[in-house]
Amino acid sequence: SLVDNDKRNTWIKRVFGRNQCEHIHLIINKKEISVWK
């Protein structure tokens, strides 16, 4: 859900910082896409 994504994005930013956030997010998206295929 959108709420879960928002919480996860906030957690990612807190843990990894903004610079790495986009890179980590892309990796997570790729993993999710491969899972759902």
PDB file of N, CA and C in Angstrom:
ATOM      1  N   SER A   1       0.834  -1.205   0.000  1.00  0.00           N
ATOM      2  CA  SER A   1       0.000   0.000   0.000  1.00  0.00           C
ATOM      3  C   SER A   1       0.868   1.253   0.000  1.00  0.00           C
ATOM      4  N   LEU A   2       0.270   2.367  -0.327  1.00  0.00           N
ATOM      5  CA  LEU A   2       1.017   3.627  -0.364  1.00  0.00           C
ATOM      6  C   LEU A   2       1.551   3.998   1.012  1.00  0.00           C
ATOM      7  N   VAL A   3       0.766   3.715   2.051  1.00  0.00           N
ATOM      8  CA  VAL A   3       1.205   4.049   3.410  1.00  0.00           C
ATOM      9  C   VAL A   3       2.451   3.253   3.775  1.00  0.00           C
ATOM     10  N   ASP A   4       2.438   1.954   3.458  1.00  0.00           N
ATOM     11  CA  ASP A   4       3.599   1.116   3.754  1.00  0.00           C
ATOM     12  C   ASP A   4       4.830   1.602   2.996  1.00  0.00           C
ATOM     13  N   ASN A   5       4.651   1.970   1.731  1.00  0.00           N
ATOM     14  CA  ASN A   5       5.766   2.489   0.937  1.00  0.00           C
ATOM     15  C   ASN A   5       6.329   3.758   1.560  1.00  0.00           C
ATOM     16  N   ASP A   6       5.433   4.629   2.035  1.00  0.00           N
ATOM     17  CA  ASP A   6       5.866   5.880   2.640  1.00  0.00           C
ATOM     18  C   ASP A   6       6.670   5.616   3.909  1.00  0.00           C
ATOM     19  N   LYS A   7       6.188   4.680   4.724  1.00  0.00           N
ATOM     20  CA  LYS A   7       6.911   4.337   5.950  1.00  0.00           C
ATOM     21  C   LYS A   7       8.276   3.764   5.620  1.00  0.00           C
ATOM     22  N   ARG A   8       8.317   2.893   4.603  1.00  0.00           N
ATOM     23  CA  ARG A   8       9.586   2.271   4.223  1.00  0.00           C
ATOM     24  C   ARG A   8      10.548   3.320   3.683  1.00  0.00           C
ATOM     25  N   ASN A   9      10.056   4.224   2.858  1.00  0.00           N
ATOM     26  CA  ASN A   9      10.911   5.283   2.309  1.00  0.00           C
ATOM     27  C   ASN A   9      11.490   6.140   3.423  1.00  0.00           C
ATOM     28  N   THR A  10      10.666   6.450   4.424  1.00  0.00           N
ATOM     29  CA  THR A  10      11.135   7.243   5.555  1.00  0.00           C
ATOM     30  C   THR A  10      12.220   6.500   6.308  1.00  0.00           C
ATOM     31  N   TRP A  11      12.013   5.197   6.503  1.00  0.00           N
ATOM     32  CA  TRP A  11      13.000   4.371   7.207  1.00  0.00           C
ATOM     33  C   TRP A  11      14.301   4.302   6.424  1.00  0.00           C
ATOM     34  N   ILE A  12      14.197   4.105   5.114  1.00  0.00           N
ATOM     35  CA  ILE A  12      15.390   4.038   4.263  1.00  0.00           C
ATOM     36  C   ILE A  12      16.177   5.341   4.352  1.00  0.00           C
ATOM     37  N   LYS A  13      15.480   6.480   4.273  1.00  0.00           N
ATOM     38  CA  LYS A  13      16.159   7.775   4.353  1.00  0.00           C
ATOM     39  C   LYS A  13      16.857   7.928   5.699  1.00  0.00           C
ATOM     40  N   ARG A  14      16.200   7.475   6.761  1.00  0.00           N
ATOM     41  CA  ARG A  14      16.758   7.623   8.097  1.00  0.00           C
ATOM     42  C   ARG A  14      18.013   6.770   8.249  1.00  0.00           C
ATOM     43  N   VAL A  15      17.969   5.558   7.719  1.00  0.00           N
ATOM     44  CA  VAL A  15      19.067   4.614   7.926  1.00  0.00           C
ATOM     45  C   VAL A  15      20.235   4.894   6.988  1.00  0.00           C
ATOM     46  N   PHE A  16      19.935   5.115   5.717  1.00  0.00           N
ATOM     47  CA  PHE A  16      20.990   5.190   4.705  1.00  0.00           C
ATOM     48  C   PHE A  16      21.346   6.609   4.302  1.00  0.00           C
ATOM     49  N   GLY A  17      20.511   7.554   4.622  1.00  0.00           N
ATOM     50  CA  GLY A  17      20.724   8.923   4.188  1.00  0.00           C
ATOM     51  C   GLY A  17      20.164   9.145   2.797  1.00  0.00           C
ATOM     52  N   ARG A  18      19.962  10.404   2.424  1.00  0.00           N
ATOM     53  CA  ARG A  18      19.288  10.726   1.171  1.00  0.00           C
ATOM     54  C   ARG A  18      20.118  10.341  -0.042  1.00  0.00           C
ATOM     55  N   ASN A  19      21.416  10.415   0.054  1.00  0.00           N
ATOM     56  CA  ASN A  19      22.264  10.154  -1.108  1.00  0.00           C
ATOM     57  C   ASN A  19      22.097   8.733  -1.614  1.00  0.00           C
ATOM     58  N   GLN A  20      22.000   7.776  -0.704  1.00  0.00           N
ATOM     59  CA  GLN A  20      21.897   6.380  -1.092  1.00  0.00           C
ATOM     60  C   GLN A  20      20.447   5.943  -1.265  1.00  0.00           C
ATOM     61  N   CYS A  21      19.509   6.755  -0.815  1.00  0.00           N
ATOM     62  CA  CYS A  21      18.106   6.358  -0.783  1.00  0.00           C
ATOM     63  C   CYS A  21      17.615   5.894  -2.145  1.00  0.00           C
ATOM     64  N   GLU A  22      17.875   6.680  -3.191  1.00  0.00           N
ATOM     65  CA  GLU A  22      17.360   6.349  -4.519  1.00  0.00           C
ATOM     66  C   GLU A  22      17.955   5.046  -5.014  1.00  0.00           C
ATOM     67  N   HIS A  23      19.238   4.834  -4.772  1.00  0.00           N
ATOM     68  CA  HIS A  23      19.914   3.620  -5.219  1.00  0.00           C
ATOM     69  C   HIS A  23      19.320   2.397  -4.516  1.00  0.00           C
ATOM     70  N   ILE A  24      19.159   2.487  -3.207  1.00  0.00           N
ATOM     71  CA  ILE A  24      18.577   1.383  -2.426  1.00  0.00           C
ATOM     72  C   ILE A  24      17.159   1.107  -2.906  1.00  0.00           C
ATOM     73  N   HIS A  25      16.406   2.176  -3.150  1.00  0.00           N
ATOM     74  CA  HIS A  25      15.013   2.041  -3.560  1.00  0.00           C
ATOM     75  C   HIS A  25      14.914   1.320  -4.899  1.00  0.00           C
ATOM     76  N   LEU A  26      15.808   1.633  -5.821  1.00  0.00           N
ATOM     77  CA  LEU A  26      15.822   0.949  -7.115  1.00  0.00           C
ATOM     78  C   LEU A  26      16.080  -0.540  -6.944  1.00  0.00           C
ATOM     79  N   ILE A  27      17.005  -0.881  -6.062  1.00  0.00           N
ATOM     80  CA  ILE A  27      17.314  -2.291  -5.810  1.00  0.00           C
ATOM     81  C   ILE A  27      16.084  -3.002  -5.249  1.00  0.00           C
ATOM     82  N   ILE A  28      15.411  -2.361  -4.286  1.00  0.00           N
ATOM     83  CA  ILE A  28      14.218  -2.955  -3.677  1.00  0.00           C
ATOM     84  C   ILE A  28      13.136  -3.146  -4.729  1.00  0.00           C
ATOM     85  N   ASN A  29      12.928  -2.135  -5.577  1.00  0.00           N
ATOM     86  CA  ASN A  29      11.919  -2.237  -6.627  1.00  0.00           C
ATOM     87  C   ASN A  29      12.225  -3.386  -7.568  1.00  0.00           C
ATOM     88  N   LYS A  30      13.473  -3.541  -7.949  1.00  0.00           N
ATOM     89  CA  LYS A  30      13.862  -4.635  -8.844  1.00  0.00           C
ATOM     90  C   LYS A  30      13.575  -5.983  -8.202  1.00  0.00           C
ATOM     91  N   LYS A  31      13.873  -6.110  -6.911  1.00  0.00           N
ATOM     92  CA  LYS A  31      13.611  -7.358  -6.193  1.00  0.00           C
ATOM     93  C   LYS A  31      12.115  -7.639  -6.158  1.00  0.00           C
ATOM     94  N   GLU A  32      11.310  -6.612  -5.882  1.00  0.00           N
ATOM     95  CA  GLU A  32       9.863  -6.789  -5.812  1.00  0.00           C
ATOM     96  C   GLU A  32       9.306  -7.177  -7.171  1.00  0.00           C
ATOM     97  N   ILE A  33       9.807  -6.525  -8.224  1.00  0.00           N
ATOM     98  CA  ILE A  33       9.342  -6.840  -9.579  1.00  0.00           C
ATOM     99  C   ILE A  33       9.653  -8.295  -9.910  1.00  0.00           C
ATOM    100  N   SER A  34      10.857  -8.737  -9.573  1.00  0.00           N
ATOM    101  CA  SER A  34      11.237 -10.118  -9.874  1.00  0.00           C
ATOM    102  C   SER A  34      10.388 -11.100  -9.069  1.00  0.00           C
ATOM    103  N   VAL A  35      10.017 -10.729  -7.856  1.00  0.00           N
ATOM    104  CA  VAL A  35       9.167 -11.590  -7.025  1.00  0.00           C
ATOM    105  C   VAL A  35       7.772 -11.710  -7.628  1.00  0.00           C
ATOM    106  N   TRP A  36       7.245 -10.614  -8.136  1.00  0.00           N
ATOM    107  CA  TRP A  36       5.858 -10.595  -8.611  1.00  0.00           C
ATOM    108  C   TRP A  36       5.700 -11.131 -10.031  1.00  0.00           C
ATOM    109  N   LYS A  37       6.792 -11.321 -10.752  1.00  0.00           N
ATOM    110  CA  LYS A  37       6.691 -11.803 -12.133  1.00  0.00           C
ATOM    111  C   LYS A  37       6.144 -13.220 -12.180  1.00  0.00           C
TER     112      LYS A  37
END
